[in-house]
Amino acid sequence: MSCMNPIRAVCVYCGSSPGRSEIYREAGLALGRSLAETGLRLIYGGGTKGIMGAVADGAIAAGGKVTGIIPRFLISKEATEQALGRLDELHITENMHERKHMMFEKSDAFVALPGGIGTVEEIVEIMTWAQLG
């Protein structure tokens, strides 16, 4: 008998830039679409640009549930208000620590797509929290 909880929400860490090839955006769209098609909620950093935006676009286009969690200071840099309005659920945090904690709390599983140092830092922190229980 397994003691694991069912996976209902998947947190995706990735860049808010498009990367150097269209393949990264395509991968984001495909992941978002796949999550939606399997009935999983997307939990992500709330950005509406780059790979991050592509994951949300894929999920939304496939009728999925999307929770964006973004710090107030990043809204103008990583998102547009119109695009944020398409999200099923939006949380605006006061800082990155609050964002990361909320993403962790709302998620049952974690995936990383290409990104920068922020993506690396987030996935390493999650791995550390998991190791510490």
C-alpha atoms as a PDB file:
ATOM      1  CA  MET A   1       0.000   0.000   0.000  1.00  0.00           C
ATOM      2  CA  SER A   2       1.338   3.415  -0.940  1.00  0.00           C
ATOM      3  CA  CYS A   3       1.305   6.261   1.547  1.00  0.00           C
ATOM      4  CA  MET A   4       1.837   8.918  -1.119  1.00  0.00           C
ATOM      5  CA  ASN A   5      -0.799  11.596  -1.522  1.00  0.00           C
ATOM      6  CA  PRO A   6      -2.469  11.898  -4.922  1.00  0.00           C
ATOM      7  CA  ILE A   7      -1.020  14.516  -7.251  1.00  0.00           C
ATOM      8  CA  ARG A   8      -3.574  17.226  -7.930  1.00  0.00           C
ATOM      9  CA  ALA A   9      -1.364  20.271  -8.509  1.00  0.00           C
ATOM     10  CA  VAL A  10       2.016  20.514 -10.229  1.00  0.00           C
ATOM     11  CA  CYS A  11       4.394  23.410  -9.702  1.00  0.00           C
ATOM     12  CA  VAL A  12       6.454  24.350 -12.751  1.00  0.00           C
ATOM     13  CA  TYR A  13       9.643  26.385 -12.370  1.00  0.00           C
ATOM     14  CA  CYS A  14      11.018  27.986 -15.540  1.00  0.00           C
ATOM     15  CA  GLY A  15      12.269  31.192 -17.098  1.00  0.00           C
ATOM     16  CA  SER A  16      10.248  34.287 -17.880  1.00  0.00           C
ATOM     17  CA  SER A  17      12.366  34.753 -21.010  1.00  0.00           C
ATOM     18  CA  PRO A  18      11.766  32.730 -24.195  1.00  0.00           C
ATOM     19  CA  GLY A  19      15.189  31.113 -24.303  1.00  0.00           C
ATOM     20  CA  ARG A  20      17.376  30.896 -27.388  1.00  0.00           C
ATOM     21  CA  SER A  21      15.193  28.516 -29.385  1.00  0.00           C
ATOM     22  CA  GLU A  22      11.488  28.194 -30.146  1.00  0.00           C
ATOM     23  CA  ILE A  23      11.709  24.613 -28.839  1.00  0.00           C
ATOM     24  CA  TYR A  24      11.632  25.916 -25.242  1.00  0.00           C
ATOM     25  CA  ARG A  25       8.363  27.769 -25.766  1.00  0.00           C
ATOM     26  CA  GLU A  26       6.933  24.705 -27.537  1.00  0.00           C
ATOM     27  CA  ALA A  27       7.944  22.505 -24.584  1.00  0.00           C
ATOM     28  CA  GLY A  28       6.230  24.941 -22.207  1.00  0.00           C
ATOM     29  CA  LEU A  29       3.025  24.881 -24.260  1.00  0.00           C
ATOM     30  CA  ALA A  30       3.110  21.069 -24.401  1.00  0.00           C
ATOM     31  CA  LEU A  31       3.656  20.707 -20.651  1.00  0.00           C
ATOM     32  CA  GLY A  32       0.830  23.119 -19.828  1.00  0.00           C
ATOM     33  CA  ARG A  33      -1.502  21.360 -22.243  1.00  0.00           C
ATOM     34  CA  SER A  34      -0.583  17.925 -20.827  1.00  0.00           C
ATOM     35  CA  LEU A  35      -1.220  19.049 -17.244  1.00  0.00           C
ATOM     36  CA  ALA A  36      -4.646  20.396 -18.212  1.00  0.00           C
ATOM     37  CA  GLU A  37      -5.573  17.300 -20.217  1.00  0.00           C
ATOM     38  CA  THR A  38      -4.805  15.061 -17.239  1.00  0.00           C
ATOM     39  CA  GLY A  39      -6.818  17.237 -14.859  1.00  0.00           C
ATOM     40  CA  LEU A  40      -3.851  18.610 -12.941  1.00  0.00           C
ATOM     41  CA  ARG A  41      -3.766  22.216 -11.708  1.00  0.00           C
ATOM     42  CA  LEU A  42      -0.755  24.273 -12.794  1.00  0.00           C
ATOM     43  CA  ILE A  43       0.966  26.211 -10.013  1.00  0.00           C
ATOM     44  CA  TYR A  44       3.557  28.590 -11.422  1.00  0.00           C
ATOM     45  CA  GLY A  45       5.339  31.899 -10.961  1.00  0.00           C
ATOM     46  CA  GLY A  46       2.593  33.998 -12.504  1.00  0.00           C
ATOM     47  CA  GLY A  47       4.601  35.412 -15.396  1.00  0.00           C
ATOM     48  CA  THR A  48       2.867  35.750 -18.732  1.00  0.00           C
ATOM     49  CA  LYS A  49       6.009  36.041 -20.860  1.00  0.00           C
ATOM     50  CA  GLY A  50       8.643  33.595 -22.066  1.00  0.00           C
ATOM     51  CA  ILE A  51       8.606  29.912 -21.182  1.00  0.00           C
ATOM     52  CA  MET A  52       6.598  30.675 -18.045  1.00  0.00           C
ATOM     53  CA  GLY A  53       3.871  32.306 -20.094  1.00  0.00           C
ATOM     54  CA  ALA A  54       3.904  29.416 -22.566  1.00  0.00           C
ATOM     55  CA  VAL A  55       3.200  26.858 -19.825  1.00  0.00           C
ATOM     56  CA  ALA A  56       0.218  28.916 -18.655  1.00  0.00           C
ATOM     57  CA  ASP A  57      -0.960  29.477 -22.254  1.00  0.00           C
ATOM     58  CA  GLY A  58      -0.879  25.730 -22.928  1.00  0.00           C
ATOM     59  CA  ALA A  59      -2.849  24.937 -19.785  1.00  0.00           C
ATOM     60  CA  ILE A  60      -5.422  27.691 -20.366  1.00  0.00           C
ATOM     61  CA  ALA A  61      -5.910  26.735 -24.031  1.00  0.00           C
ATOM     62  CA  ALA A  62      -6.649  23.153 -22.963  1.00  0.00           C
ATOM     63  CA  GLY A  63      -9.181  24.284 -20.360  1.00  0.00           C
ATOM     64  CA  GLY A  64      -6.943  23.710 -17.354  1.00  0.00           C
ATOM     65  CA  LYS A  65      -6.895  25.335 -13.943  1.00  0.00           C
ATOM     66  CA  VAL A  66      -3.992  27.751 -13.457  1.00  0.00           C
ATOM     67  CA  THR A  67      -2.729  29.365 -10.256  1.00  0.00           C
ATOM     68  CA  GLY A  68      -0.196  32.167 -10.699  1.00  0.00           C
ATOM     69  CA  ILE A  69       1.860  33.346  -7.729  1.00  0.00           C
ATOM     70  CA  ILE A  70       3.882  36.494  -8.374  1.00  0.00           C
ATOM     71  CA  PRO A  71       5.581  39.079  -6.170  1.00  0.00           C
ATOM     72  CA  ARG A  72       4.206  42.578  -6.618  1.00  0.00           C
ATOM     73  CA  PHE A  73       7.596  43.956  -7.739  1.00  0.00           C
ATOM     74  CA  LEU A  74       7.800  41.481 -10.658  1.00  0.00           C
ATOM     75  CA  ILE A  75       4.376  42.137 -12.188  1.00  0.00           C
ATOM     76  CA  SER A  76       5.562  44.894 -14.531  1.00  0.00           C
ATOM     77  CA  LYS A  77       8.664  42.893 -15.516  1.00  0.00           C
ATOM     78  CA  GLU A  78       7.246  39.391 -16.039  1.00  0.00           C
ATOM     79  CA  ALA A  79       3.542  39.858 -16.769  1.00  0.00           C
ATOM     80  CA  THR A  80       0.814  41.974 -18.305  1.00  0.00           C
ATOM     81  CA  GLU A  81      -2.360  42.739 -16.362  1.00  0.00           C
ATOM     82  CA  GLN A  82      -4.540  41.601 -19.268  1.00  0.00           C
ATOM     83  CA  ALA A  83      -2.821  38.205 -19.386  1.00  0.00           C
ATOM     84  CA  LEU A  84      -2.971  37.844 -15.590  1.00  0.00           C
ATOM     85  CA  GLY A  85      -6.737  38.284 -15.869  1.00  0.00           C
ATOM     86  CA  ARG A  86      -6.948  34.980 -17.777  1.00  0.00           C
ATOM     87  CA  LEU A  87      -5.628  33.004 -14.817  1.00  0.00           C
ATOM     88  CA  ASP A  88      -8.056  30.914 -12.830  1.00  0.00           C
ATOM     89  CA  GLU A  89      -6.410  32.041  -9.581  1.00  0.00           C
ATOM     90  CA  LEU A  90      -3.839  34.774  -8.876  1.00  0.00           C
ATOM     91  CA  HIS A  91      -1.885  35.452  -5.696  1.00  0.00           C
ATOM     92  CA  ILE A  92       0.276  38.559  -5.402  1.00  0.00           C
ATOM     93  CA  THR A  93       2.941  38.231  -2.725  1.00  0.00           C
ATOM     94  CA  GLU A  94       5.086  40.862  -1.059  1.00  0.00           C
ATOM     95  CA  ASN A  95       8.401  39.085  -1.730  1.00  0.00           C
ATOM     96  CA  MET A  96      10.113  36.079  -3.296  1.00  0.00           C
ATOM     97  CA  HIS A  97      10.228  34.088  -0.060  1.00  0.00           C
ATOM     98  CA  GLU A  98       6.440  34.332   0.330  1.00  0.00           C
ATOM     99  CA  ARG A  99       6.017  33.349  -3.336  1.00  0.00           C
ATOM    100  CA  LYS A 100       8.232  30.267  -3.018  1.00  0.00           C
ATOM    101  CA  HIS A 101       6.548  29.149   0.189  1.00  0.00           C
ATOM    102  CA  MET A 102       3.058  29.513  -1.316  1.00  0.00           C
ATOM    103  CA  MET A 103       4.097  27.623  -4.461  1.00  0.00           C
ATOM    104  CA  PHE A 104       5.447  24.827  -2.249  1.00  0.00           C
ATOM    105  CA  GLU A 105       2.315  24.713  -0.071  1.00  0.00           C
ATOM    106  CA  LYS A 106      -0.100  24.534  -3.022  1.00  0.00           C
ATOM    107  CA  SER A 107       1.806  21.852  -4.978  1.00  0.00           C
ATOM    108  CA  ASP A 108       2.026  18.078  -4.860  1.00  0.00           C
ATOM    109  CA  ALA A 109       4.787  17.664  -7.460  1.00  0.00           C
ATOM    110  CA  PHE A 110       7.480  19.850  -9.032  1.00  0.00           C
ATOM    111  CA  VAL A 111       8.895  20.188 -12.552  1.00  0.00           C
ATOM    112  CA  ALA A 112      11.692  22.405 -13.858  1.00  0.00           C
ATOM    113  CA  LEU A 113      11.953  23.627 -17.439  1.00  0.00           C
ATOM    114  CA  PRO A 114      14.829  25.766 -18.723  1.00  0.00           C
ATOM    115  CA  GLY A 115      15.367  29.033 -16.897  1.00  0.00           C
ATOM    116  CA  GLY A 116      18.010  31.170 -15.284  1.00  0.00           C
ATOM    117  CA  ILE A 117      19.603  31.317 -11.862  1.00  0.00           C
ATOM    118  CA  GLY A 118      16.192  31.896 -10.240  1.00  0.00           C
ATOM    119  CA  THR A 119      14.883  28.608 -11.623  1.00  0.00           C
ATOM    120  CA  VAL A 120      17.979  26.759 -10.393  1.00  0.00           C
ATOM    121  CA  GLU A 121      17.664  28.350  -6.948  1.00  0.00           C
ATOM    122  CA  GLU A 122      13.963  27.441  -6.671  1.00  0.00           C
ATOM    123  CA  ILE A 123      14.348  23.791  -7.657  1.00  0.00           C
ATOM    124  CA  VAL A 124      17.371  23.321  -5.369  1.00  0.00           C
ATOM    125  CA  GLU A 125      15.430  24.837  -2.454  1.00  0.00           C
ATOM    126  CA  ILE A 126      12.489  22.484  -3.094  1.00  0.00           C
ATOM    127  CA  MET A 127      14.848  19.509  -3.218  1.00  0.00           C
ATOM    128  CA  THR A 128      16.341  20.632   0.100  1.00  0.00           C
ATOM    129  CA  TRP A 129      12.902  21.005   1.725  1.00  0.00           C
ATOM    130  CA  ALA A 130      11.926  17.551   0.426  1.00  0.00           C
ATOM    131  CA  GLN A 131      15.120  16.020   1.812  1.00  0.00           C
ATOM    132  CA  LEU A 132      14.490  17.627   5.204  1.00  0.00           C
ATOM    133  CA  GLY A 133      10.881  16.413   5.177  1.00  0.00           C
END
